[in-house]
C-alpha atoms as a PDB file:
ATOM      1  CA  MET A   1     -18.552 240.709 -93.883  1.00  0.00           C
ATOM      2  CA  LYS A   2     -15.999 238.529 -95.425  1.00  0.00           C
ATOM      3  CA  GLU A   3     -17.420 235.191 -94.314  1.00  0.00           C
ATOM      4  CA  THR A   4     -20.122 233.417 -96.869  1.00  0.00           C
ATOM      5  CA  ALA A   5     -21.166 230.206 -94.517  1.00  0.00           C
ATOM      6  CA  LEU A   6     -21.795 229.883 -90.777  1.00  0.00           C
ATOM      7  CA  PHE A   7     -22.578 226.732 -89.501  1.00  0.00           C
ATOM      8  CA  ILE A   8     -24.982 226.621 -86.175  1.00  0.00           C
ATOM      9  CA  SER A   9     -24.412 223.750 -83.893  1.00  0.00           C
ATOM     10  CA  ALA A  10     -26.038 223.253 -80.220  1.00  0.00           C
ATOM     11  CA  THR A  11     -25.072 221.915 -76.768  1.00  0.00           C
ATOM     12  CA  ASP A  12     -28.104 219.371 -77.206  1.00  0.00           C
ATOM     13  CA  THR A  13     -30.668 218.472 -79.216  1.00  0.00           C
ATOM     14  CA  ASN A  14     -34.029 220.383 -78.974  1.00  0.00           C
ATOM     15  CA  ILE A  15     -32.317 223.536 -78.234  1.00  0.00           C
ATOM     16  CA  GLY A  16     -33.683 225.964 -80.583  1.00  0.00           C
ATOM     17  CA  LYS A  17     -31.059 225.389 -83.631  1.00  0.00           C
ATOM     18  CA  THR A  18     -33.751 225.846 -86.099  1.00  0.00           C
ATOM     19  CA  LEU A  19     -35.201 228.614 -84.802  1.00  0.00           C
ATOM     20  CA  VAL A  20     -31.999 230.541 -83.919  1.00  0.00           C
ATOM     21  CA  THR A  21     -30.661 229.707 -87.952  1.00  0.00           C
ATOM     22  CA  ALA A  22     -34.157 231.278 -89.338  1.00  0.00           C
ATOM     23  CA  LEU A  23     -33.608 234.666 -86.918  1.00  0.00           C
ATOM     24  CA  LEU A  24     -30.123 234.433 -88.397  1.00  0.00           C
ATOM     25  CA  SER A  25     -31.192 234.652 -91.478  1.00  0.00           C
ATOM     26  CA  LEU A  26     -33.449 237.498 -91.083  1.00  0.00           C
ATOM     27  CA  LYS A  27     -30.929 239.198 -89.312  1.00  0.00           C
ATOM     28  CA  LEU A  28     -28.863 239.136 -92.638  1.00  0.00           C
ATOM     29  CA  GLN A  29     -31.526 239.779 -94.952  1.00  0.00           C
ATOM     30  CA  GLN A  30     -31.864 243.002 -92.705  1.00  0.00           C
ATOM     31  CA  LEU A  31     -28.289 243.804 -93.679  1.00  0.00           C
ATOM     32  CA  GLY A  32     -28.554 243.248 -97.076  1.00  0.00           C
ATOM     33  CA  PHE A  33     -27.591 239.631 -97.713  1.00  0.00           C
ATOM     34  CA  ASP A  34     -29.100 237.181 -99.938  1.00  0.00           C
ATOM     35  CA  CYS A  35     -28.862 234.333 -96.990  1.00  0.00           C
ATOM     36  CA  ALA A  36     -29.828 230.569 -97.458  1.00  0.00           C
ATOM     37  CA  VAL A  37     -30.850 228.076 -95.203  1.00  0.00           C
ATOM     38  CA  PHE A  38     -29.824 224.321 -95.670  1.00  0.00           C
ATOM     39  CA  LYS A  39     -29.747 221.617 -92.917  1.00  0.00           C
ATOM     40  CA  PRO A  40     -28.406 219.153 -94.984  1.00  0.00           C
ATOM     41  CA  PHE A  41     -29.163 215.970 -92.569  1.00  0.00           C
ATOM     42  CA  ALA A  42     -32.355 215.815 -90.396  1.00  0.00           C
ATOM     43  CA  SER A  43     -34.456 212.843 -88.233  1.00  0.00           C
ATOM     44  CA  GLY A  44     -37.480 212.687 -87.440  1.00  0.00           C
ATOM     45  CA  CYS A  45     -39.256 213.548 -90.933  1.00  0.00           C
ATOM     46  CA  LYS A  46     -42.895 213.063 -91.499  1.00  0.00           C
ATOM     47  CA  ARG A  47     -44.127 210.826 -94.339  1.00  0.00           C
ATOM     48  CA  GLU A  48     -46.571 211.893 -96.521  1.00  0.00           C
ATOM     49  CA  ASN A  49     -47.091 210.223 -99.845  1.00  0.00           C
ATOM     50  CA  GLY A  50     -44.520 208.208 -99.659  1.00  0.00           C
ATOM     51  CA  VAL A  51     -42.143 211.299 -99.399  1.00  0.00           C
ATOM     52  CA  LEU A  52     -39.927 212.096 -96.305  1.00  0.00           C
ATOM     53  CA  ILE A  53     -40.522 215.980 -95.287  1.00  0.00           C
ATOM     54  CA  SER A  54     -38.296 217.586 -92.463  1.00  0.00           C
ATOM     55  CA  GLU A  55     -40.504 219.784 -90.607  1.00  0.00           C
ATOM     56  CA  ASP A  56     -37.465 221.974 -89.449  1.00  0.00           C
ATOM     57  CA  ALA A  57     -36.859 222.532 -93.483  1.00  0.00           C
ATOM     58  CA  GLU A  58     -40.512 223.600 -94.115  1.00  0.00           C
ATOM     59  CA  PHE A  59     -40.273 226.002 -91.059  1.00  0.00           C
ATOM     60  CA  LEU A  60     -36.631 227.437 -92.382  1.00  0.00           C
ATOM     61  CA  GLN A  61     -38.448 227.910 -95.574  1.00  0.00           C
ATOM     62  CA  LYS A  62     -41.683 229.644 -94.818  1.00  0.00           C
ATOM     63  CA  MET A  63     -40.016 231.519 -91.998  1.00  0.00           C
ATOM     64  CA  THR A  64     -37.347 233.204 -94.246  1.00  0.00           C
ATOM     65  CA  GLY A  65     -38.828 233.109 -97.397  1.00  0.00           C
ATOM     66  CA  SER A  66     -36.590 231.030 -99.367  1.00  0.00           C
ATOM     67  CA  SER A  67     -37.147 230.456-102.936  1.00  0.00           C
ATOM     68  CA  ASP A  68     -35.268 227.017-102.376  1.00  0.00           C
ATOM     69  CA  SER A  69     -37.120 224.024-102.542  1.00  0.00           C
ATOM     70  CA  LEU A  70     -36.788 221.338 -99.599  1.00  0.00           C
ATOM     71  CA  ASP A  71     -34.543 219.165-101.503  1.00  0.00           C
ATOM     72  CA  GLU A  72     -32.247 222.057-101.596  1.00  0.00           C
ATOM     73  CA  ILE A  73     -32.327 223.081 -98.430  1.00  0.00           C
ATOM     74  CA  CYS A  74     -32.775 219.802 -96.707  1.00  0.00           C
ATOM     75  CA  PRO A  75     -31.391 216.758 -99.234  1.00  0.00           C
ATOM     76  CA  ILE A  76     -31.139 213.813 -96.715  1.00  0.00           C
ATOM     77  CA  ARG A  77     -33.754 213.080 -94.657  1.00  0.00           C
ATOM     78  CA  LEU A  78     -34.313 209.973 -92.441  1.00  0.00           C
ATOM     79  CA  GLU A  79     -37.826 209.014 -90.393  1.00  0.00           C
ATOM     80  CA  GLU A  80     -36.621 208.291 -87.131  1.00  0.00           C
ATOM     81  CA  PRO A  81     -35.802 210.583 -84.541  1.00  0.00           C
ATOM     82  CA  LEU A  82     -32.283 209.356 -83.698  1.00  0.00           C
ATOM     83  CA  ALA A  83     -28.999 210.323 -84.910  1.00  0.00           C
ATOM     84  CA  PRO A  84     -28.978 210.141 -88.780  1.00  0.00           C
ATOM     85  CA  LEU A  85     -25.838 207.016 -88.436  1.00  0.00           C
ATOM     86  CA  ILE A  86     -28.187 205.180 -86.220  1.00  0.00           C
ATOM     87  CA  ALA A  87     -31.751 206.231 -88.217  1.00  0.00           C
ATOM     88  CA  ALA A  88     -29.691 205.068 -91.359  1.00  0.00           C
ATOM     89  CA  ARG A  89     -28.604 201.772 -89.871  1.00  0.00           C
ATOM     90  CA  ARG A  90     -31.971 200.760 -88.659  1.00  0.00           C
ATOM     91  CA  ALA A  91     -33.456 201.614 -92.049  1.00  0.00           C
ATOM     92  CA  GLY A  92     -30.794 199.617 -93.727  1.00  0.00           C
ATOM     93  CA  ILE A  93     -29.598 203.213 -95.472  1.00  0.00           C
ATOM     94  CA  SER A  94     -25.587 203.236 -96.484  1.00  0.00           C
ATOM     95  CA  THR A  95     -24.455 206.527 -95.711  1.00  0.00           C
ATOM     96  CA  LYS A  96     -21.758 206.178 -98.296  1.00  0.00           C
ATOM     97  CA  LEU A  97     -22.591 208.857-100.029  1.00  0.00           C
ATOM     98  CA  TRP A  98     -23.711 211.297 -97.949  1.00  0.00           C
ATOM     99  CA  PRO A  99     -20.125 213.126 -97.472  1.00  0.00           C
ATOM    100  CA  GLN A 100     -20.513 214.285-101.385  1.00  0.00           C
ATOM    101  CA  ILE A 101     -24.389 214.506-101.505  1.00  0.00           C
ATOM    102  CA  ALA A 102     -24.275 217.040 -98.278  1.00  0.00           C
ATOM    103  CA  ARG A 103     -20.774 218.993 -99.780  1.00  0.00           C
ATOM    104  CA  ASP A 104     -22.557 219.417-103.637  1.00  0.00           C
ATOM    105  CA  ALA A 105     -25.831 220.611-101.709  1.00  0.00           C
ATOM    106  CA  LEU A 106     -23.677 222.999-100.052  1.00  0.00           C
ATOM    107  CA  GLU A 107     -21.962 224.154-102.841  1.00  0.00           C
ATOM    108  CA  ASN A 108     -25.181 224.684-104.960  1.00  0.00           C
ATOM    109  CA  LEU A 109     -25.952 226.714-102.759  1.00  0.00           C
ATOM    110  CA  ARG A 110     -23.275 229.083-101.920  1.00  0.00           C
ATOM    111  CA  ALA A 111     -23.357 229.537-105.887  1.00  0.00           C
ATOM    112  CA  LYS A 112     -26.780 230.681-105.880  1.00  0.00           C
ATOM    113  CA  HIS A 113     -26.551 233.016-102.585  1.00  0.00           C
ATOM    114  CA  ASP A 114     -24.502 235.925-100.932  1.00  0.00           C
ATOM    115  CA  PHE A 115     -24.474 233.594 -97.535  1.00  0.00           C
ATOM    116  CA  VAL A 116     -25.582 229.840 -96.263  1.00  0.00           C
ATOM    117  CA  LEU A 117     -26.172 229.376 -92.524  1.00  0.00           C
ATOM    118  CA  VAL A 118     -25.941 225.523 -92.087  1.00  0.00           C
ATOM    119  CA  GLU A 119     -28.007 224.060 -89.262  1.00  0.00           C
ATOM    120  CA  GLY A 120     -26.486 220.995 -87.843  1.00  0.00           C
ATOM    121  CA  VAL A 121     -28.105 217.650 -86.719  1.00  0.00           C
ATOM    122  CA  GLY A 122     -28.510 217.341 -82.716  1.00  0.00           C
ATOM    123  CA  GLY A 123     -25.388 218.255 -80.958  1.00  0.00           C
ATOM    124  CA  LEU A 124     -21.765 218.830 -81.458  1.00  0.00           C
ATOM    125  CA  LEU A 125     -20.895 215.183 -81.586  1.00  0.00           C
ATOM    126  CA  ALA A 126     -23.946 213.224 -82.873  1.00  0.00           C
ATOM    127  CA  PRO A 127     -23.304 210.632 -85.429  1.00  0.00           C
ATOM    128  CA  ILE A 128     -23.714 211.415 -89.010  1.00  0.00           C
ATOM    129  CA  TRP A 129     -22.263 208.888 -91.228  1.00  0.00           C
ATOM    130  CA  LYS A 130     -20.071 206.033 -91.253  1.00  0.00           C
ATOM    131  CA  THR A 131     -16.314 206.275 -91.313  1.00  0.00           C
ATOM    132  CA  GLU A 132     -13.544 203.871 -91.262  1.00  0.00           C
ATOM    133  CA  GLY A 133     -13.422 202.177 -87.678  1.00  0.00           C
ATOM    134  CA  SER A 134     -15.599 205.484 -86.656  1.00  0.00           C
ATOM    135  CA  PHE A 135     -17.877 208.109 -88.070  1.00  0.00           C
ATOM    136  CA  ALA A 136     -18.614 211.641 -88.589  1.00  0.00           C
ATOM    137  CA  SER A 137     -20.111 214.277 -86.392  1.00  0.00           C
ATOM    138  CA  ASN A 138     -21.221 218.117 -86.787  1.00  0.00           C
ATOM    139  CA  LEU A 139     -17.803 219.077 -85.745  1.00  0.00           C
ATOM    140  CA  ASP A 140     -16.453 217.014 -88.597  1.00  0.00           C
ATOM    141  CA  LEU A 141     -18.388 219.027 -90.798  1.00  0.00           C
ATOM    142  CA  ILE A 142     -17.220 222.272 -89.382  1.00  0.00           C
ATOM    143  CA  GLU A 143     -13.861 221.802 -89.729  1.00  0.00           C
ATOM    144  CA  GLY A 144     -14.463 219.646 -93.125  1.00  0.00           C
ATOM    145  CA  TRP A 145     -15.858 222.890 -94.586  1.00  0.00           C
ATOM    146  CA  ASP A 146     -13.847 225.000 -92.738  1.00  0.00           C
ATOM    147  CA  LEU A 147     -16.737 227.270 -91.752  1.00  0.00           C
ATOM    148  CA  PRO A 148     -17.016 229.356 -88.575  1.00  0.00           C
ATOM    149  CA  ALA A 149     -19.753 228.328 -86.285  1.00  0.00           C
ATOM    150  CA  ILE A 150     -22.347 229.330 -83.636  1.00  0.00           C
ATOM    151  CA  LEU A 151     -23.485 227.569 -80.349  1.00  0.00           C
ATOM    152  CA  VAL A 152     -26.841 227.532 -79.534  1.00  0.00           C
ATOM    153  CA  SER A 153     -27.071 226.978 -75.809  1.00  0.00           C
ATOM    154  CA  ARG A 154     -30.064 227.434 -72.959  1.00  0.00           C
ATOM    155  CA  ARG A 155     -30.465 228.892 -70.142  1.00  0.00           C
ATOM    156  CA  ALA A 156     -30.735 226.624 -67.443  1.00  0.00           C
ATOM    157  CA  LEU A 157     -28.719 224.980 -64.427  1.00  0.00           C
ATOM    158  CA  GLY A 158     -26.159 222.490 -66.157  1.00  0.00           C
ATOM    159  CA  THR A 159     -25.387 224.789 -69.249  1.00  0.00           C
ATOM    160  CA  ILE A 160     -22.351 226.065 -67.822  1.00  0.00           C
ATOM    161  CA  ASN A 161     -20.721 222.848 -67.905  1.00  0.00           C
ATOM    162  CA  HIS A 162     -22.235 221.800 -71.474  1.00  0.00           C
ATOM    163  CA  THR A 163     -21.631 224.495 -73.482  1.00  0.00           C
ATOM    164  CA  LEU A 164     -17.845 224.955 -71.828  1.00  0.00           C
ATOM    165  CA  MET A 165     -17.013 221.422 -72.988  1.00  0.00           C
ATOM    166  CA  SER A 166     -18.521 222.356 -76.148  1.00  0.00           C
ATOM    167  CA  LEU A 167     -16.345 225.703 -76.638  1.00  0.00           C
ATOM    168  CA  LYS A 168     -13.373 223.634 -75.662  1.00  0.00           C
ATOM    169  CA  LEU A 169     -13.961 220.820 -78.149  1.00  0.00           C
ATOM    170  CA  CYS A 170     -14.188 223.212 -80.792  1.00  0.00           C
ATOM    171  CA  SER A 171     -12.252 226.435 -81.564  1.00  0.00           C
ATOM    172  CA  ARG A 172     -14.352 227.807 -84.363  1.00  0.00           C
ATOM    173  CA  PHE A 173     -16.778 229.129 -82.314  1.00  0.00           C
ATOM    174  CA  ALA A 174     -17.491 232.487 -83.198  1.00  0.00           C
ATOM    175  CA  GLY A 175     -20.064 233.523 -80.961  1.00  0.00           C
ATOM    176  CA  LEU A 176     -22.870 231.851 -78.777  1.00  0.00           C
ATOM    177  CA  VAL A 177     -26.781 232.630 -78.934  1.00  0.00           C
ATOM    178  CA  PHE A 178     -28.737 231.579 -75.861  1.00  0.00           C
ATOM    179  CA  ASN A 179     -32.116 229.892 -76.882  1.00  0.00           C
ATOM    180  CA  ASP A 180     -35.180 229.404 -74.336  1.00  0.00           C
ATOM    181  CA  ALA A 181     -37.261 226.860 -75.435  1.00  0.00           C
ATOM    182  CA  GLU A 182     -39.711 227.289 -73.177  1.00  0.00           C
ATOM    183  CA  VAL A 183     -40.354 229.825 -70.167  1.00  0.00           C
ATOM    184  CA  VAL A 184     -37.638 230.554 -67.788  1.00  0.00           C
ATOM    185  CA  ALA A 185     -38.491 232.272 -64.689  1.00  0.00           C
ATOM    186  CA  ASP A 186     -36.881 235.491 -63.465  1.00  0.00           C
ATOM    187  CA  ASP A 187     -35.961 234.057 -60.010  1.00  0.00           C
ATOM    188  CA  ASP A 188     -33.972 231.026 -62.027  1.00  0.00           C
ATOM    189  CA  ILE A 189     -30.592 232.096 -60.926  1.00  0.00           C
ATOM    190  CA  ALA A 190     -28.722 229.536 -62.526  1.00  0.00           C
ATOM    191  CA  ALA A 191     -30.524 230.868 -65.785  1.00  0.00           C
ATOM    192  CA  GLN A 192     -30.084 234.628 -65.114  1.00  0.00           C
ATOM    193  CA  THR A 193     -25.993 234.248 -64.293  1.00  0.00           C
ATOM    194  CA  SER A 194     -24.734 231.814 -66.694  1.00  0.00           C
ATOM    195  CA  PRO A 195     -24.569 233.433 -69.828  1.00  0.00           C
ATOM    196  CA  ASP A 196     -22.682 236.159 -68.297  1.00  0.00           C
ATOM    197  CA  PHE A 197     -20.206 233.745 -66.587  1.00  0.00           C
ATOM    198  CA  ILE A 198     -19.966 231.812 -70.033  1.00  0.00           C
ATOM    199  CA  GLN A 199     -18.851 235.019 -72.124  1.00  0.00           C
ATOM    200  CA  ASN A 200     -16.198 236.071 -68.980  1.00  0.00           C
ATOM    201  CA  ALA A 201     -14.757 232.688 -68.787  1.00  0.00           C
ATOM    202  CA  THR A 202     -14.390 232.406 -72.678  1.00  0.00           C
ATOM    203  CA  SER A 203     -14.483 235.557 -74.334  1.00  0.00           C
ATOM    204  CA  VAL A 204     -16.582 234.049 -76.666  1.00  0.00           C
ATOM    205  CA  PRO A 205     -19.251 237.498 -77.833  1.00  0.00           C
ATOM    206  CA  ILE A 206     -22.759 236.423 -77.225  1.00  0.00           C
ATOM    207  CA  TRP A 207     -24.961 237.399 -80.221  1.00  0.00           C
ATOM    208  CA  GLY A 208     -28.188 237.099 -78.630  1.00  0.00           C
ATOM    209  CA  ARG A 209     -30.562 236.052 -76.083  1.00  0.00           C
ATOM    210  CA  VAL A 210     -33.617 234.766 -77.109  1.00  0.00           C
ATOM    211  CA  SER A 211     -36.806 234.513 -74.855  1.00  0.00           C
ATOM    212  CA  PHE A 212     -38.929 232.191 -75.148  1.00  0.00           C
ATOM    213  CA  ALA A 213     -42.215 233.344 -77.574  1.00  0.00           C
ATOM    214  CA  PRO A 214     -45.074 231.274 -77.756  1.00  0.00           C
ATOM    215  CA  GLU A 215     -46.138 232.222 -80.761  1.00  0.00           C
ATOM    216  CA  LEU A 216     -43.903 232.124 -83.729  1.00  0.00           C
ATOM    217  CA  ASN A 217     -44.865 234.113 -86.638  1.00  0.00           C
ATOM    218  CA  ALA A 218     -42.600 236.110 -89.165  1.00  0.00           C
ATOM    219  CA  GLN A 219     -43.409 239.423 -87.184  1.00  0.00           C
ATOM    220  CA  THR A 220     -42.037 238.195 -84.332  1.00  0.00           C
ATOM    221  CA  LEU A 221     -39.296 236.499 -86.356  1.00  0.00           C
ATOM    222  CA  GLN A 222     -38.330 239.927 -87.483  1.00  0.00           C
ATOM    223  CA  LYS A 223     -38.775 241.878 -84.328  1.00  0.00           C
ATOM    224  CA  ILE A 224     -36.112 239.244 -82.475  1.00  0.00           C
ATOM    225  CA  ALA A 225     -33.601 239.168 -85.087  1.00  0.00           C
ATOM    226  CA  SER A 226     -33.378 242.791 -85.411  1.00  0.00           C
ATOM    227  CA  SER A 227     -32.235 242.700 -81.731  1.00  0.00           C
ATOM    228  CA  LEU A 228     -29.251 239.525 -82.379  1.00  0.00           C
ATOM    229  CA  GLU A 229     -25.685 241.428 -83.290  1.00  0.00           C
ATOM    230  CA  ILE A 230     -23.633 239.689 -85.849  1.00  0.00           C
ATOM    231  CA  GLN A 231     -20.133 239.824 -84.788  1.00  0.00           C
ATOM    232  CA  PHE A 232     -17.369 238.662 -87.741  1.00  0.00           C
END
């Protein structure tokens, strides 16, 4: 495998990027790689003893067995559950140093591990930090850090439009993972037909189809991870 990092983005928020990031990490571990998980930006963090903690980062650390600290996994944390730039503005926080903080954190993990999985925040165009007259998004991270990417999508009515728009916007997607964040009925025709239609329409390979799991534990995740097919 020539790549040493991969960006995980999604068609929307609350689709399951964190779960898919954990699954991909476990799959890479099964293949013999020392894999780090990295979520540079997180909003909606809980405050404990005056410190903001990302529950997503905690999940990634626990489920992947990461030895990296929560600060290394998630260096920039915000309290309100909003896009980072908006949450920062409302909290009176400057984003000026964020690009360097995030890049340095990525390079630190790259120096320590064979592979780094980078989980984005929100959807592809979620605003992260302020730029001259505009803002930087996950798309800018993918392109600026020169990373291949995975798109996490849901199986539901409307996903064809959302997924194809994301794939058209970014040419760096190496694959798709369809994740069921809730139970999907067997007679849901949109859910059953959308993944194959998208794959045939774009030639972007499907790395996995993750069914809803009511209980997420280490054993369940290892089993699901083994079914994924990483295609570089």
